[in-house]
Amino acid sequence: METLFVYRWSLGSLFCLLLPLIGIVGTRLQWWPYTLGLLLLVVALGCSLLLLPFALWQRQWLAMVPPILLLLLVLPFVVRAFTLPAIHDISTDTTNPPALTAALTLRSEGDHSIEYQGAAVAQQQHATWPGIQPLIIQKPLEQVHTQVQVLVARRGWTITANSNHQLEAVSRSTLFGFSDDIAIRLTPVTPAEGSPVDATVLNHLNKNKQQTTMATRVDMRSASRVGKSDLGANAKRVCAFLTELNQL
């Protein structure tokens, strides 16, 4: 008992470090619901806040290192939680967002619906990320589709559906392994205005081998399966993907 009392600071520091790791590993391996993993992280943060002032008072410098590291790692996520809107579905087209057809069979009963939530979410998205807009690429649809597949593979996303005009995939977060569903829709448009091409006109161009003159509109949607807020993860994903696609 005396030895345990002597090393109480080291044990408390180790507890603050191991508890979130256990929560992360257990959630990724689906041993328990993600809510339990987040709860373990919150408990570890609370213990860190309690441990630090006492360790400082006792001048236990080494015991302060793990709690400080944990707080510094979590701080950016806390800031995002308080500064970003509590939404989890981002789309370049908020009027007619790409459909998450494959996600219908992949999401469980407790996950979010695949239906877009409408004007309220769209308003918050436009206010926070006004730059998230459809991308017009001056290339034919087939070429853009190939480039999209290359970028999806480069990111390690799992493709769940793939057709000429839409590709769907799943991305898992690094720590807890949260799954986000992604839909990338390709639409042939006129190069100048970027407006959709009438089917009759498109067939005429294809018959006359003029498809190389066409441009492609890229719409992308990224939506989390769980959680009220995605802490900006989906918006960051959409912006990064479309920026790289535009640079190819």
Protein backbone atom coordinates (compact mmCIF):
# COMPACT_ATOMS: atom_id res chain seq x y z
CA MET A 1 0.00 0.00 0.00
CA GLU A 2 2.88 2.35 0.80
CA THR A 3 4.46 1.67 -2.59
CA LEU A 4 1.16 2.35 -4.30
CA PHE A 5 0.88 5.67 -2.46
CA VAL A 6 4.42 6.66 -3.46
CA TYR A 7 3.75 6.02 -7.12
CA ARG A 8 0.24 7.50 -7.16
CA TRP A 9 1.27 10.30 -9.51
CA SER A 10 2.78 7.91 -12.04
CA LEU A 11 -0.24 5.64 -11.85
CA GLY A 12 -2.63 8.55 -12.30
CA SER A 13 -0.63 9.80 -15.27
CA LEU A 14 -0.60 6.33 -16.81
CA PHE A 15 -4.35 6.05 -16.28
CA CYS A 16 -4.93 9.32 -18.19
CA LEU A 17 -2.89 7.96 -21.07
CA LEU A 18 -4.25 4.41 -21.27
CA LEU A 19 -7.96 5.15 -20.84
CA PRO A 20 -8.44 7.01 -24.17
CA LEU A 21 -6.27 4.44 -25.94
CA ILE A 22 -8.51 1.66 -24.66
CA GLY A 23 -11.56 3.61 -25.81
CA ILE A 24 -10.12 4.18 -29.28
CA VAL A 25 -8.99 0.58 -29.81
CA GLY A 26 -12.24 -0.88 -28.52
CA THR A 27 -14.32 1.41 -30.73
CA ARG A 28 -12.26 0.65 -33.86
CA LEU A 29 -12.56 -3.08 -33.21
CA GLN A 30 -16.30 -2.65 -32.54
CA TRP A 31 -16.09 -4.15 -29.07
CA TRP A 32 -18.51 -1.50 -27.82
CA PRO A 33 -20.55 1.48 -29.13
CA TYR A 34 -18.67 4.62 -30.13
CA THR A 35 -20.42 6.47 -27.30
CA LEU A 36 -18.52 4.37 -24.74
CA GLY A 37 -15.23 5.13 -26.47
CA LEU A 38 -15.98 8.86 -26.35
CA LEU A 39 -17.04 8.53 -22.70
CA LEU A 40 -13.69 6.98 -21.80
CA LEU A 41 -11.96 9.88 -23.52
CA VAL A 42 -14.04 12.39 -21.55
CA VAL A 43 -13.23 10.60 -18.28
CA ALA A 44 -9.52 10.71 -19.16
CA LEU A 45 -9.76 14.43 -19.84
CA GLY A 46 -11.49 15.00 -16.51
CA CYS A 47 -8.82 13.02 -14.68
CA SER A 48 -6.11 15.01 -16.47
CA LEU A 49 -7.63 18.29 -15.35
CA LEU A 50 -7.77 17.02 -11.75
CA LEU A 51 -4.28 15.55 -11.78
CA LEU A 52 -2.40 18.52 -13.21
CA PRO A 53 -2.81 21.06 -10.37
CA PHE A 54 -1.95 18.47 -7.69
CA ALA A 55 1.05 17.20 -9.65
CA LEU A 56 2.21 20.78 -10.12
CA TRP A 57 1.80 21.44 -6.41
CA GLN A 58 3.89 18.35 -5.59
CA ARG A 59 6.38 19.16 -8.38
CA GLN A 60 5.85 15.83 -10.07
CA TRP A 61 7.05 17.04 -13.47
CA LEU A 62 7.13 13.70 -15.28
CA ALA A 63 3.63 12.86 -14.13
CA MET A 64 2.39 16.05 -15.80
CA VAL A 65 3.59 15.12 -19.28
CA PRO A 66 0.88 12.59 -20.37
CA PRO A 67 -2.08 14.73 -19.16
CA ILE A 68 -0.65 17.82 -20.86
CA LEU A 69 -0.12 15.90 -24.12
CA LEU A 70 -3.66 14.56 -23.99
CA LEU A 71 -5.13 18.01 -23.42
CA LEU A 72 -3.07 19.51 -26.25
CA LEU A 73 -4.17 16.76 -28.65
CA VAL A 74 -7.85 17.15 -27.79
CA LEU A 75 -7.88 20.97 -27.67
CA PRO A 76 -8.23 21.49 -31.48
CA PHE A 77 -11.27 19.19 -31.54
CA VAL A 78 -12.85 21.06 -28.63
CA VAL A 79 -12.33 24.37 -30.45
CA ARG A 80 -13.98 22.97 -33.58
CA ALA A 81 -16.90 21.68 -31.55
CA PHE A 82 -17.62 25.18 -30.24
CA THR A 83 -16.88 27.14 -33.44
CA LEU A 84 -18.31 24.97 -36.24
CA PRO A 85 -22.00 24.20 -36.85
CA ALA A 86 -23.31 20.90 -35.51
CA ILE A 87 -23.91 19.30 -38.91
CA HIS A 88 -22.63 16.04 -40.39
CA ASP A 89 -23.70 16.13 -44.06
CA ILE A 90 -21.84 18.29 -46.62
CA SER A 91 -22.73 18.60 -50.31
CA THR A 92 -21.66 20.81 -53.20
CA ASP A 93 -25.27 20.70 -54.40
CA THR A 94 -27.59 21.42 -51.48
CA THR A 95 -30.67 21.61 -53.73
CA ASN A 96 -30.23 18.20 -55.35
CA PRO A 97 -27.42 16.46 -53.45
CA PRO A 98 -25.90 13.22 -54.80
CA ALA A 99 -27.82 10.22 -53.50
CA LEU A 100 -26.19 7.86 -51.01
CA THR A 101 -27.65 4.75 -52.58
CA ALA A 102 -25.02 2.25 -51.43
CA ALA A 103 -25.13 3.60 -47.88
CA LEU A 104 -28.76 2.51 -47.61
CA THR A 105 -27.64 -1.08 -47.10
CA LEU A 106 -24.48 -0.23 -45.16
CA ARG A 107 -25.97 1.90 -42.40
CA SER A 108 -27.43 0.28 -39.33
CA GLU A 109 -30.65 1.13 -37.53
CA GLY A 110 -28.96 3.54 -35.13
CA ASP A 111 -27.13 5.47 -37.88
CA HIS A 112 -28.27 8.70 -39.50
CA SER A 113 -30.73 8.58 -42.37
CA ILE A 114 -29.31 8.84 -45.89
CA GLU A 115 -31.83 11.58 -46.66
CA TYR A 116 -30.42 15.11 -46.85
CA GLN A 117 -31.74 17.27 -44.02
CA GLY A 118 -32.64 20.25 -46.24
CA ALA A 119 -32.57 24.02 -45.93
CA ALA A 120 -31.44 24.27 -42.32
CA VAL A 121 -28.26 22.27 -42.94
CA ALA A 122 -27.66 23.99 -46.29
CA GLN A 123 -27.87 27.43 -44.69
CA GLN A 124 -25.34 26.55 -42.01
CA GLN A 125 -23.01 25.03 -44.59
CA HIS A 126 -23.09 28.06 -46.90
CA ALA A 127 -22.49 30.41 -43.98
CA THR A 128 -19.46 28.47 -42.75
CA TRP A 129 -17.98 27.10 -45.99
CA PRO A 130 -19.17 29.34 -48.85
CA GLY A 131 -16.40 27.98 -51.08
CA ILE A 132 -17.90 24.49 -51.27
CA GLN A 133 -19.42 24.60 -54.75
CA PRO A 134 -19.72 22.25 -57.75
CA LEU A 135 -16.50 21.88 -59.72
CA ILE A 136 -16.50 22.37 -63.52
CA ILE A 137 -13.61 20.61 -65.24
CA GLN A 138 -12.87 21.20 -68.91
CA LYS A 139 -12.48 17.50 -69.63
CA PRO A 140 -14.84 14.76 -70.89
CA LEU A 141 -16.71 12.71 -68.34
CA GLU A 142 -14.77 9.49 -68.97
CA GLN A 143 -11.45 11.16 -68.24
CA VAL A 144 -12.74 12.79 -65.06
CA HIS A 145 -14.24 9.48 -63.93
CA THR A 146 -10.85 7.81 -64.27
CA GLN A 147 -9.16 10.58 -62.30
CA VAL A 148 -11.78 10.32 -59.56
CA GLN A 149 -11.08 6.59 -59.21
CA VAL A 150 -7.36 7.27 -58.94
CA LEU A 151 -7.84 9.82 -56.16
CA VAL A 152 -10.27 7.58 -54.27
CA ALA A 153 -7.75 4.71 -54.38
CA ARG A 154 -4.95 7.05 -53.30
CA ARG A 155 -6.91 7.98 -50.18
CA GLY A 156 -7.66 4.38 -49.28
CA TRP A 157 -11.42 4.78 -49.46
CA THR A 158 -13.51 1.66 -50.00
CA ILE A 159 -15.60 1.88 -53.18
CA THR A 160 -19.17 0.72 -52.57
CA ALA A 161 -20.75 1.63 -55.94
CA ASN A 162 -19.32 2.72 -59.26
CA SER A 163 -21.04 3.72 -62.49
CA ASN A 164 -20.25 6.11 -65.34
CA HIS A 165 -21.99 9.01 -63.64
CA GLN A 166 -21.50 8.33 -59.92
CA LEU A 167 -18.99 6.75 -57.60
CA GLU A 168 -19.68 6.00 -53.93
CA ALA A 169 -17.18 5.14 -51.24
CA VAL A 170 -16.61 4.87 -47.49
CA SER A 171 -13.88 6.61 -45.53
CA ARG A 172 -12.90 5.66 -41.98
CA SER A 173 -11.47 8.15 -39.50
CA THR A 174 -7.94 7.60 -38.23
CA LEU A 175 -8.60 7.26 -34.50
CA PHE A 176 -12.05 5.89 -33.72
CA GLY A 177 -12.69 4.44 -37.19
CA PHE A 178 -15.92 6.36 -37.77
CA SER A 179 -17.38 5.60 -41.21
CA ASP A 180 -18.38 8.45 -43.53
CA ASP A 181 -20.26 7.80 -46.78
CA ILE A 182 -19.16 9.64 -49.92
CA ALA A 183 -20.93 10.14 -53.25
CA ILE A 184 -19.25 11.77 -56.27
CA ARG A 185 -21.61 12.59 -59.14
CA LEU A 186 -20.40 13.44 -62.67
CA THR A 187 -22.57 15.37 -65.12
CA PRO A 188 -21.63 16.39 -68.69
CA VAL A 189 -22.03 20.14 -69.19
CA THR A 190 -21.29 22.76 -71.83
CA PRO A 191 -17.73 24.09 -71.46
CA ALA A 192 -18.66 27.77 -71.46
CA GLU A 193 -21.66 28.07 -69.15
CA GLY A 194 -21.24 24.86 -67.16
CA SER A 195 -24.90 24.07 -67.63
CA PRO A 196 -26.14 20.47 -67.95
CA VAL A 197 -26.31 19.08 -71.47
CA ASP A 198 -29.63 17.94 -72.90
CA ALA A 199 -29.68 14.19 -73.57
CA THR A 200 -30.48 14.71 -77.27
CA VAL A 201 -27.53 17.06 -77.69
CA LEU A 202 -25.26 14.67 -75.83
CA ASN A 203 -26.24 11.76 -78.08
CA HIS A 204 -25.59 13.92 -81.13
CA LEU A 205 -22.13 14.83 -79.88
CA ASN A 206 -21.30 11.21 -79.11
CA LYS A 207 -22.37 10.05 -82.57
CA ASN A 208 -20.21 12.71 -84.17
CA LYS A 209 -17.25 11.97 -81.86
CA GLN A 210 -17.33 15.45 -80.38
CA GLN A 211 -17.36 14.39 -76.71
CA THR A 212 -13.84 15.77 -76.24
CA THR A 213 -15.36 19.25 -76.42
CA MET A 214 -17.50 18.56 -73.37
CA ALA A 215 -16.84 19.61 -69.80
CA THR A 216 -17.80 17.77 -66.63
CA ARG A 217 -19.51 19.03 -63.50
CA VAL A 218 -18.41 17.27 -60.32
CA ASP A 219 -20.70 17.23 -57.30
CA MET A 220 -19.57 15.63 -54.08
CA ARG A 221 -21.34 14.71 -50.88
CA SER A 222 -19.76 13.44 -47.67
CA ALA A 223 -21.93 12.42 -44.71
CA SER A 224 -21.15 10.86 -41.34
CA ARG A 225 -23.10 7.86 -40.11
CA VAL A 226 -23.03 8.82 -36.42
CA GLY A 227 -22.61 11.95 -34.32
CA LYS A 228 -24.42 15.25 -34.38
CA SER A 229 -21.32 17.16 -35.48
CA ASP A 230 -18.48 15.98 -37.70
CA LEU A 231 -16.13 18.72 -36.39
CA GLY A 232 -15.57 19.90 -39.97
CA ALA A 233 -14.25 16.55 -41.23
CA ASN A 234 -16.65 16.22 -44.16
CA ALA A 235 -16.14 19.79 -45.36
CA LYS A 236 -12.37 19.34 -45.17
CA ARG A 237 -12.63 16.10 -47.13
CA VAL A 238 -14.75 17.62 -49.91
CA CYS A 239 -12.52 20.69 -50.27
CA ALA A 240 -9.30 18.66 -50.34
CA PHE A 241 -10.62 16.14 -52.86
CA LEU A 242 -12.04 18.68 -55.31
CA THR A 243 -8.93 20.85 -55.06
CA GLU A 244 -6.66 17.94 -55.95
CA LEU A 245 -9.02 16.76 -58.69
CA ASN A 246 -8.98 20.22 -60.24
CA GLN A 247 -5.18 20.21 -60.28
CA LEU A 248 -4.83 16.96 -62.23
